[in-house]
C-alpha cells in the first residue's frame, strides 16, 4: 500500500495539470511505515524525452540525483515515481513497464482536458515482464 499525503498529492496534481497536454514526471519521497509506503514529498521533474512528450517521458538524471540528495538531507527514501497520462486512463503501459524500476511504486495520473481525474499505482516485478496494482490512498 502507498499513501500520498495531501501536500505531496497537490504538488503532483499541479505538475500534471501545468504540463498538460504533455506527460509530466516526478519522484516520490517518504518512508516505509507499518508495511506500507507514506509519501511526504513529491518532487516534480523535467520531462527530458526528446520526442513527442504527449505519450512518453524520461526523467532527467540531474533531477534524479537532486531528489536523491534531498531525500538523504531530509531522512527520507525514494519510494517511487509518478507520471501523467494526458487524455488517457491511469494504466501501466508496456513502455512504462519496460523502463520501470522493479519494487518501486509507479503512480500514474489520468489527466483529462487539463484536469487530474484519478490515479493508480503499480509495482513491476523483478524482470519487468508484469506489474501488479498497488493499493493507493491520496489527497
Protein backbone atom coordinates (compact mmCIF):
# COMPACT_ATOMS: atom_id res chain seq x y z
CA UNK A 1 0.00 0.00 0.00
CA UNK A 2 1.12 3.55 -0.74
CA UNK A 3 -0.36 6.64 0.87
CA UNK A 4 0.36 10.11 -0.52
CA UNK A 5 -0.04 12.96 1.94
CA UNK A 6 -2.17 15.94 0.87
CA UNK A 7 0.68 18.39 0.21
CA UNK A 8 2.60 15.87 -1.90
CA UNK A 9 -0.59 14.96 -3.80
CA UNK A 10 -1.28 18.62 -4.55
CA UNK A 11 2.27 19.05 -5.89
CA UNK A 12 1.67 16.10 -8.23
CA UNK A 13 -1.66 17.48 -9.41
CA UNK A 14 -0.23 20.96 -10.05
CA UNK A 15 2.68 19.48 -12.02
CA UNK A 16 0.43 17.22 -14.12
CA UNK A 17 -2.04 19.97 -14.91
CA UNK A 18 0.68 22.53 -15.70
CA UNK A 19 2.36 20.08 -18.07
CA UNK A 20 -0.82 19.12 -19.92
CA UNK A 21 -1.09 18.08 -22.76
CA UNK A 22 2.39 16.59 -22.28
CA UNK A 23 3.30 13.87 -19.81
CA UNK A 24 4.79 15.10 -16.58
CA UNK A 25 7.07 13.09 -14.32
CA UNK A 26 8.48 13.21 -10.83
CA UNK A 27 9.89 11.36 -7.86
CA UNK A 28 8.14 10.28 -4.66
CA UNK A 29 9.98 10.65 -1.34
CA UNK A 30 8.89 9.39 2.05
CA UNK A 31 9.25 6.46 4.42
CA UNK A 32 8.41 2.79 4.64
CA UNK A 33 5.96 2.58 7.53
CA UNK A 34 3.75 -0.15 9.02
CA UNK A 35 4.21 -2.41 5.99
CA UNK A 36 3.37 0.36 3.51
CA UNK A 37 4.80 3.48 1.99
CA UNK A 38 3.98 7.04 3.03
CA UNK A 39 4.85 9.78 0.55
CA UNK A 40 5.54 13.10 2.24
CA UNK A 41 7.20 14.90 -0.68
CA UNK A 42 6.59 14.76 -4.43
CA UNK A 43 9.46 16.20 -6.46
CA UNK A 44 8.34 17.47 -9.88
CA UNK A 45 10.96 16.79 -12.57
CA UNK A 46 11.58 17.90 -16.12
CA UNK A 47 10.37 15.60 -18.86
CA UNK A 48 13.66 15.11 -20.73
CA UNK A 49 12.24 12.92 -23.51
CA UNK A 50 13.45 14.19 -26.90
CA UNK A 51 10.41 13.07 -28.88
CA UNK A 52 6.68 13.66 -28.62
CA UNK A 53 6.05 14.18 -24.90
CA UNK A 54 2.30 13.64 -25.19
CA UNK A 55 2.80 9.92 -24.64
CA UNK A 56 6.35 9.49 -23.31
CA UNK A 57 8.55 10.81 -20.55
CA UNK A 58 12.14 10.46 -19.46
CA UNK A 59 13.38 11.56 -16.06
CA UNK A 60 16.35 13.92 -16.26
CA UNK A 61 19.28 12.20 -14.47
CA UNK A 62 20.19 15.55 -12.85
CA UNK A 63 16.72 15.69 -11.31
CA UNK A 64 17.10 12.11 -10.08
CA UNK A 65 20.39 12.95 -8.34
CA UNK A 66 18.93 16.12 -6.82
CA UNK A 67 15.90 14.21 -5.49
CA UNK A 68 18.14 11.52 -4.01
CA UNK A 69 20.24 14.17 -2.26
CA UNK A 70 17.10 15.89 -0.94
CA UNK A 71 15.81 12.57 0.38
CA UNK A 72 19.05 11.96 2.28
CA UNK A 73 19.04 15.52 3.68
CA UNK A 74 15.51 15.06 4.99
CA UNK A 75 15.99 11.50 6.23
CA UNK A 76 13.61 10.16 3.58
CA UNK A 77 13.81 7.44 0.93
CA UNK A 78 12.98 7.38 -2.77
CA UNK A 79 9.79 5.31 -2.77
CA UNK A 80 8.88 5.59 -6.41
CA UNK A 81 7.94 7.76 -9.32
CA UNK A 82 4.92 9.44 -10.85
CA UNK A 83 3.88 10.48 -14.31
CA UNK A 84 0.75 11.54 -16.11
CA UNK A 85 -1.26 10.12 -18.99
CA UNK A 86 -2.83 13.08 -20.84
CA UNK A 87 -6.35 12.30 -22.08
CA UNK A 88 -5.88 8.65 -21.15
CA UNK A 89 -6.69 6.33 -18.30
CA UNK A 90 -4.28 5.66 -15.43
CA UNK A 91 -2.74 2.38 -16.55
CA UNK A 92 0.78 0.93 -16.63
CA UNK A 93 1.68 0.73 -20.32
CA UNK A 94 4.16 -1.71 -21.85
CA UNK A 95 6.57 1.23 -22.24
CA UNK A 96 6.10 2.16 -18.58
CA UNK A 97 6.83 -1.45 -17.61
CA UNK A 98 9.88 -1.70 -19.86
CA UNK A 99 11.53 1.38 -18.32
CA UNK A 100 10.35 0.90 -14.74
CA UNK A 101 12.47 0.10 -11.73
CA UNK A 102 11.28 -3.09 -10.00
CA UNK A 103 9.89 -2.82 -6.47
CA UNK A 104 9.31 0.94 -6.67
CA UNK A 105 5.82 2.44 -6.66
CA UNK A 106 4.78 3.93 -10.01
CA UNK A 107 1.85 6.29 -9.69
CA UNK A 108 0.07 7.18 -12.93
CA UNK A 109 -2.31 10.16 -13.03
CA UNK A 110 -5.12 10.34 -15.57
CA UNK A 111 -5.38 13.93 -16.86
CA UNK A 112 -8.43 14.72 -18.98
CA UNK A 113 -8.94 18.11 -20.62
CA UNK A 114 -6.27 19.59 -18.36
CA UNK A 115 -7.58 18.27 -15.04
CA UNK A 116 -6.41 15.31 -12.97
CA UNK A 117 -9.26 12.81 -12.68
CA UNK A 118 -7.73 9.97 -10.64
CA UNK A 119 -4.56 7.94 -10.15
CA UNK A 120 -3.43 4.33 -9.78
CA UNK A 121 -0.17 2.83 -8.56
CA UNK A 122 1.74 -0.13 -9.95
CA UNK A 123 4.78 -2.19 -8.97
CA UNK A 124 6.80 -4.01 -11.62
CA UNK A 125 8.24 -7.45 -11.00
CA UNK A 126 11.99 -8.12 -10.98
CA UNK A 127 12.35 -8.87 -14.69
CA UNK A 128 9.89 -6.15 -15.76
CA UNK A 129 7.55 -8.58 -17.51
CA UNK A 130 4.48 -7.84 -15.40
CA UNK A 131 3.18 -5.42 -12.81
CA UNK A 132 0.59 -5.53 -10.11
CA UNK A 133 -1.73 -2.81 -8.94
CA UNK A 134 -0.77 -1.37 -5.58
CA UNK A 135 -3.39 -0.08 -3.16
CA UNK A 136 -3.25 3.73 -3.32
CA UNK A 137 -4.56 6.43 -0.99
CA UNK A 138 -4.07 10.10 -1.81
CA UNK A 139 -5.21 13.59 -1.01
